Amino acid sequence: MTTKSSTKTATTKATKAPASAGTKTTSEGFSADERAAMKERAKELRAEAKGAKDRAKGEADLRAKIDEMPEADKVLAEAIHAIVTEHAPELLPKTWYGMPAYADADGKAVCFFKAASKFGSRYAELGFNEQASLDDGTMWPTAYAITTLSKADEKLIATLVRKAVG
């Protein structure tokens, strides 16, 4: 009769990390927050496949995400939303990995707002994807850390958004 090896059991137990909340990594390599973002993206893709690419639906989804945010993130997200909708009205509001985002006519996210609370960061981010026409020589930033917004910051964001849509 064969018996189980206690070494194998001990090794297996030692390599398995307990599931945890926040940004701690599990044995699969993704945090609970990252897995949640991927699930949100899958849900968004299913909705897009059903033809749910209209501005009103995207706006409602984006507003719902902003409403879920802690106050500090909400203030930043609302300010960025106002800037983007004023300076790049051709971009369509939507959510992208559960974050407020703004897409081109093909539905590709051009820019997005990542709340500090999304992954437990000390700052929020305004990010730009490859579709954004921000090229400046051989190197340029594609994300900006934000803790508060000054009038100068708002002007910079407006300039970046206008440039992004080229």
C-alpha atoms as a PDB file:
ATOM      1  CA  MET A   1       0.000   0.000   0.000  1.00  0.00           C
ATOM      2  CA  THR A   2       1.336   3.440  -0.945  1.00  0.00           C
ATOM      3  CA  THR A   3       1.262   6.320   1.530  1.00  0.00           C
ATOM      4  CA  LYS A   4       1.255  10.038   0.781  1.00  0.00           C
ATOM      5  CA  SER A   5       4.560  11.788   1.108  1.00  0.00           C
ATOM      6  CA  SER A   6       4.520  14.292   3.948  1.00  0.00           C
ATOM      7  CA  THR A   7       7.198  16.286   2.112  1.00  0.00           C
ATOM      8  CA  LYS A   8       4.899  16.856  -0.848  1.00  0.00           C
ATOM      9  CA  THR A   9       2.061  17.961   1.419  1.00  0.00           C
ATOM     10  CA  ALA A  10       4.315  20.358   3.306  1.00  0.00           C
ATOM     11  CA  THR A  11       5.667  21.815   0.065  1.00  0.00           C
ATOM     12  CA  THR A  12       2.185  22.278  -1.352  1.00  0.00           C
ATOM     13  CA  LYS A  13       0.992  24.013   1.783  1.00  0.00           C
ATOM     14  CA  ALA A  14       4.063  26.258   1.886  1.00  0.00           C
ATOM     15  CA  THR A  15       3.590  27.513  -1.686  1.00  0.00           C
ATOM     16  CA  LYS A  16      -0.094  28.338  -1.396  1.00  0.00           C
ATOM     17  CA  ALA A  17      -0.727  31.841  -0.156  1.00  0.00           C
ATOM     18  CA  PRO A  18      -4.033  32.566   1.557  1.00  0.00           C
ATOM     19  CA  ALA A  19      -6.545  34.620  -0.404  1.00  0.00           C
ATOM     20  CA  SER A  20      -6.392  38.179   0.812  1.00  0.00           C
ATOM     21  CA  ALA A  21      -8.032  41.506   0.156  1.00  0.00           C
ATOM     22  CA  GLY A  22      -6.323  44.646  -1.006  1.00  0.00           C
ATOM     23  CA  THR A  23      -3.195  44.622  -3.085  1.00  0.00           C
ATOM     24  CA  LYS A  24      -1.520  41.575  -1.531  1.00  0.00           C
ATOM     25  CA  THR A  25      -0.607  39.050  -4.177  1.00  0.00           C
ATOM     26  CA  THR A  26      -2.006  35.538  -4.101  1.00  0.00           C
ATOM     27  CA  SER A  27      -0.288  32.417  -5.386  1.00  0.00           C
ATOM     28  CA  GLU A  28      -1.881  33.073  -8.787  1.00  0.00           C
ATOM     29  CA  GLY A  29       0.036  36.355  -9.082  1.00  0.00           C
ATOM     30  CA  PHE A  30      -2.901  38.782  -9.029  1.00  0.00           C
ATOM     31  CA  SER A  31      -4.245  40.734  -6.082  1.00  0.00           C
ATOM     32  CA  ALA A  32      -7.925  40.683  -5.196  1.00  0.00           C
ATOM     33  CA  ASP A  33      -8.181  44.246  -6.560  1.00  0.00           C
ATOM     34  CA  GLU A  34      -6.569  43.212  -9.844  1.00  0.00           C
ATOM     35  CA  ARG A  35      -8.883  40.215 -10.199  1.00  0.00           C
ATOM     36  CA  ALA A  36     -11.882  42.476  -9.512  1.00  0.00           C
ATOM     37  CA  ALA A  37     -10.709  44.913 -12.217  1.00  0.00           C
ATOM     38  CA  MET A  38     -10.367  42.051 -14.708  1.00  0.00           C
ATOM     39  CA  LYS A  39     -13.884  40.848 -13.873  1.00  0.00           C
ATOM     40  CA  GLU A  40     -15.204  44.374 -14.388  1.00  0.00           C
ATOM     41  CA  ARG A  41     -13.440  44.557 -17.758  1.00  0.00           C
ATOM     42  CA  ALA A  42     -14.944  41.225 -18.837  1.00  0.00           C
ATOM     43  CA  LYS A  43     -18.399  42.549 -17.917  1.00  0.00           C
ATOM     44  CA  GLU A  44     -17.708  45.750 -19.905  1.00  0.00           C
ATOM     45  CA  LEU A  45     -16.631  43.734 -22.950  1.00  0.00           C
ATOM     46  CA  ARG A  46     -19.786  41.606 -22.801  1.00  0.00           C
ATOM     47  CA  ALA A  47     -21.901  44.786 -22.713  1.00  0.00           C
ATOM     48  CA  GLU A  48     -19.949  46.261 -25.652  1.00  0.00           C
ATOM     49  CA  ALA A  49     -20.448  43.049 -27.646  1.00  0.00           C
ATOM     50  CA  LYS A  50     -24.201  43.482 -27.203  1.00  0.00           C
ATOM     51  CA  GLY A  51     -23.955  46.930 -28.791  1.00  0.00           C
ATOM     52  CA  ALA A  52     -24.019  48.993 -25.600  1.00  0.00           C
ATOM     53  CA  LYS A  53     -21.675  51.727 -26.901  1.00  0.00           C
ATOM     54  CA  ASP A  54     -24.002  54.693 -26.588  1.00  0.00           C
ATOM     55  CA  ARG A  55     -23.019  57.926 -24.871  1.00  0.00           C
ATOM     56  CA  ALA A  56     -25.895  57.921 -22.351  1.00  0.00           C
ATOM     57  CA  LYS A  57     -25.132  54.389 -21.126  1.00  0.00           C
ATOM     58  CA  GLY A  58     -21.407  55.160 -20.930  1.00  0.00           C
ATOM     59  CA  GLU A  59     -22.079  58.382 -19.030  1.00  0.00           C
ATOM     60  CA  ALA A  60     -24.364  56.564 -16.574  1.00  0.00           C
ATOM     61  CA  ASP A  61     -21.775  53.817 -15.981  1.00  0.00           C
ATOM     62  CA  LEU A  62     -18.994  56.378 -15.519  1.00  0.00           C
ATOM     63  CA  ARG A  63     -21.084  58.459 -13.092  1.00  0.00           C
ATOM     64  CA  ALA A  64     -21.946  55.340 -11.091  1.00  0.00           C
ATOM     65  CA  LYS A  65     -18.230  54.533 -10.707  1.00  0.00           C
ATOM     66  CA  ILE A  66     -17.466  58.088  -9.606  1.00  0.00           C
ATOM     67  CA  ASP A  67     -20.318  57.947  -7.073  1.00  0.00           C
ATOM     68  CA  GLU A  68     -18.777  54.800  -5.521  1.00  0.00           C
ATOM     69  CA  MET A  69     -15.449  56.551  -4.868  1.00  0.00           C
ATOM     70  CA  PRO A  70     -14.276  57.979  -1.545  1.00  0.00           C
ATOM     71  CA  GLU A  71     -14.684  61.758  -1.403  1.00  0.00           C
ATOM     72  CA  ALA A  72     -11.059  62.670  -2.242  1.00  0.00           C
ATOM     73  CA  ASP A  73     -11.103  60.515  -5.398  1.00  0.00           C
ATOM     74  CA  LYS A  74     -14.616  61.658  -6.298  1.00  0.00           C
ATOM     75  CA  VAL A  75     -13.593  65.341  -6.303  1.00  0.00           C
ATOM     76  CA  LEU A  76     -10.676  64.620  -8.651  1.00  0.00           C
ATOM     77  CA  ALA A  77     -12.722  62.345 -10.932  1.00  0.00           C
ATOM     78  CA  GLU A  78     -15.519  64.909 -11.265  1.00  0.00           C
ATOM     79  CA  ALA A  79     -13.048  67.684 -12.105  1.00  0.00           C
ATOM     80  CA  ILE A  80     -11.331  65.538 -14.733  1.00  0.00           C
ATOM     81  CA  HIS A  81     -14.705  64.492 -16.161  1.00  0.00           C
ATOM     82  CA  ALA A  82     -15.688  68.143 -16.557  1.00  0.00           C
ATOM     83  CA  ILE A  83     -12.379  68.974 -18.270  1.00  0.00           C
ATOM     84  CA  VAL A  84     -12.514  66.022 -20.668  1.00  0.00           C
ATOM     85  CA  THR A  85     -16.145  66.571 -21.655  1.00  0.00           C
ATOM     86  CA  GLU A  86     -15.505  70.280 -22.269  1.00  0.00           C
ATOM     87  CA  HIS A  87     -12.219  69.994 -24.170  1.00  0.00           C
ATOM     88  CA  ALA A  88     -12.729  66.684 -25.994  1.00  0.00           C
ATOM     89  CA  PRO A  89     -16.489  66.292 -26.481  1.00  0.00           C
ATOM     90  CA  GLU A  90     -15.877  63.744 -29.241  1.00  0.00           C
ATOM     91  CA  LEU A  91     -14.605  61.236 -26.663  1.00  0.00           C
ATOM     92  CA  LEU A  92     -17.235  58.836 -25.365  1.00  0.00           C
ATOM     93  CA  PRO A  93     -17.523  58.324 -21.596  1.00  0.00           C
ATOM     94  CA  LYS A  94     -17.295  54.699 -20.495  1.00  0.00           C
ATOM     95  CA  THR A  95     -15.728  52.517 -17.849  1.00  0.00           C
ATOM     96  CA  TRP A  96     -12.517  50.613 -18.481  1.00  0.00           C
ATOM     97  CA  TYR A  97     -11.428  47.995 -15.946  1.00  0.00           C
ATOM     98  CA  GLY A  98     -13.990  49.625 -13.671  1.00  0.00           C
ATOM     99  CA  MET A  99     -12.394  53.078 -13.995  1.00  0.00           C
ATOM    100  CA  PRO A 100     -13.840  56.227 -15.578  1.00  0.00           C
ATOM    101  CA  ALA A 101     -12.473  56.434 -19.123  1.00  0.00           C
ATOM    102  CA  TYR A 102     -13.004  58.263 -22.392  1.00  0.00           C
ATOM    103  CA  ALA A 103     -12.966  56.407 -25.707  1.00  0.00           C
ATOM    104  CA  ASP A 104     -12.505  57.248 -29.356  1.00  0.00           C
ATOM    105  CA  ALA A 105     -15.080  56.405 -32.043  1.00  0.00           C
ATOM    106  CA  ASP A 106     -13.726  52.828 -32.188  1.00  0.00           C
ATOM    107  CA  GLY A 107     -14.448  52.340 -28.486  1.00  0.00           C
ATOM    108  CA  LYS A 108     -10.754  52.313 -27.504  1.00  0.00           C
ATOM    109  CA  ALA A 109      -9.982  54.078 -24.219  1.00  0.00           C
ATOM    110  CA  VAL A 110      -7.885  57.167 -24.962  1.00  0.00           C
ATOM    111  CA  CYS A 111      -7.586  58.348 -21.363  1.00  0.00           C
ATOM    112  CA  PHE A 112      -8.722  57.153 -17.958  1.00  0.00           C
ATOM    113  CA  PHE A 113      -8.844  58.116 -14.292  1.00  0.00           C
ATOM    114  CA  LYS A 114      -7.517  55.621 -11.764  1.00  0.00           C
ATOM    115  CA  ALA A 115      -8.694  56.460  -8.249  1.00  0.00           C
ATOM    116  CA  ALA A 116      -6.110  56.193  -5.479  1.00  0.00           C
ATOM    117  CA  SER A 117      -8.513  53.860  -3.692  1.00  0.00           C
ATOM    118  CA  LYS A 118      -8.659  51.461  -6.674  1.00  0.00           C
ATOM    119  CA  PHE A 119      -5.392  49.726  -5.763  1.00  0.00           C
ATOM    120  CA  GLY A 120      -4.619  51.370  -2.404  1.00  0.00           C
ATOM    121  CA  SER A 121      -2.232  53.954  -3.855  1.00  0.00           C
ATOM    122  CA  ARG A 122      -1.236  57.238  -2.253  1.00  0.00           C
ATOM    123  CA  TYR A 123      -2.230  59.162  -5.393  1.00  0.00           C
ATOM    124  CA  ALA A 124      -4.780  59.007  -8.186  1.00  0.00           C
ATOM    125  CA  GLU A 125      -3.675  58.855 -11.819  1.00  0.00           C
ATOM    126  CA  LEU A 126      -4.717  60.350 -15.106  1.00  0.00           C
ATOM    127  CA  GLY A 127      -3.488  57.945 -17.755  1.00  0.00           C
ATOM    128  CA  PHE A 128      -3.354  57.962 -21.527  1.00  0.00           C
ATOM    129  CA  ASN A 129      -3.334  54.893 -23.750  1.00  0.00           C
ATOM    130  CA  GLU A 130      -1.653  54.319 -27.084  1.00  0.00           C
ATOM    131  CA  GLN A 131      -4.583  55.897 -28.960  1.00  0.00           C
ATOM    132  CA  ALA A 132      -3.715  59.279 -27.408  1.00  0.00           C
ATOM    133  CA  SER A 133      -1.625  61.451 -29.739  1.00  0.00           C
ATOM    134  CA  LEU A 134       0.771  62.650 -27.055  1.00  0.00           C
ATOM    135  CA  ASP A 135       3.980  61.720 -28.899  1.00  0.00           C
ATOM    136  CA  ASP A 136       6.727  64.249 -28.215  1.00  0.00           C
ATOM    137  CA  GLY A 137      10.077  63.199 -29.623  1.00  0.00           C
ATOM    138  CA  THR A 138      11.323  59.812 -28.506  1.00  0.00           C
ATOM    139  CA  MET A 139       9.944  59.891 -24.952  1.00  0.00           C
ATOM    140  CA  TRP A 140       6.827  61.307 -23.251  1.00  0.00           C
ATOM    141  CA  PRO A 141       4.726  60.652 -20.146  1.00  0.00           C
ATOM    142  CA  THR A 142       1.556  58.583 -20.418  1.00  0.00           C
ATOM    143  CA  ALA A 143       0.361  58.871 -16.802  1.00  0.00           C
ATOM    144  CA  TYR A 144       0.242  61.638 -14.229  1.00  0.00           C
ATOM    145  CA  ALA A 145       0.035  61.206 -10.455  1.00  0.00           C
ATOM    146  CA  ILE A 146      -2.578  63.488  -8.882  1.00  0.00           C
ATOM    147  CA  THR A 147      -3.137  64.334  -5.225  1.00  0.00           C
ATOM    148  CA  THR A 148      -5.016  67.613  -5.719  1.00  0.00           C
ATOM    149  CA  LEU A 149      -5.797  69.801  -8.717  1.00  0.00           C
ATOM    150  CA  SER A 150      -4.720  73.419  -9.029  1.00  0.00           C
ATOM    151  CA  LYS A 151      -5.884  75.783 -11.781  1.00  0.00           C
ATOM    152  CA  ALA A 152      -2.528  75.204 -13.515  1.00  0.00           C
ATOM    153  CA  ASP A 153      -3.075  71.426 -13.321  1.00  0.00           C
ATOM    154  CA  GLU A 154      -6.542  71.805 -14.830  1.00  0.00           C
ATOM    155  CA  LYS A 155      -5.089  73.844 -17.713  1.00  0.00           C
ATOM    156  CA  LEU A 156      -2.419  71.182 -18.296  1.00  0.00           C
ATOM    157  CA  ILE A 157      -5.043  68.423 -18.331  1.00  0.00           C
ATOM    158  CA  ALA A 158      -7.147  70.405 -20.820  1.00  0.00           C
ATOM    159  CA  THR A 159      -4.084  70.814 -23.059  1.00  0.00           C
ATOM    160  CA  LEU A 160      -3.203  67.120 -22.795  1.00  0.00           C
ATOM    161  CA  VAL A 161      -6.755  66.008 -23.567  1.00  0.00           C
ATOM    162  CA  ARG A 162      -6.983  68.283 -26.619  1.00  0.00           C
ATOM    163  CA  LYS A 163      -3.606  66.984 -27.835  1.00  0.00           C
ATOM    164  CA  ALA A 164      -4.640  63.379 -27.151  1.00  0.00           C
ATOM    165  CA  VAL A 165      -7.534  63.602 -29.591  1.00  0.00           C
ATOM    166  CA  GLY A 166      -5.235  65.328 -32.107  1.00  0.00           C
END
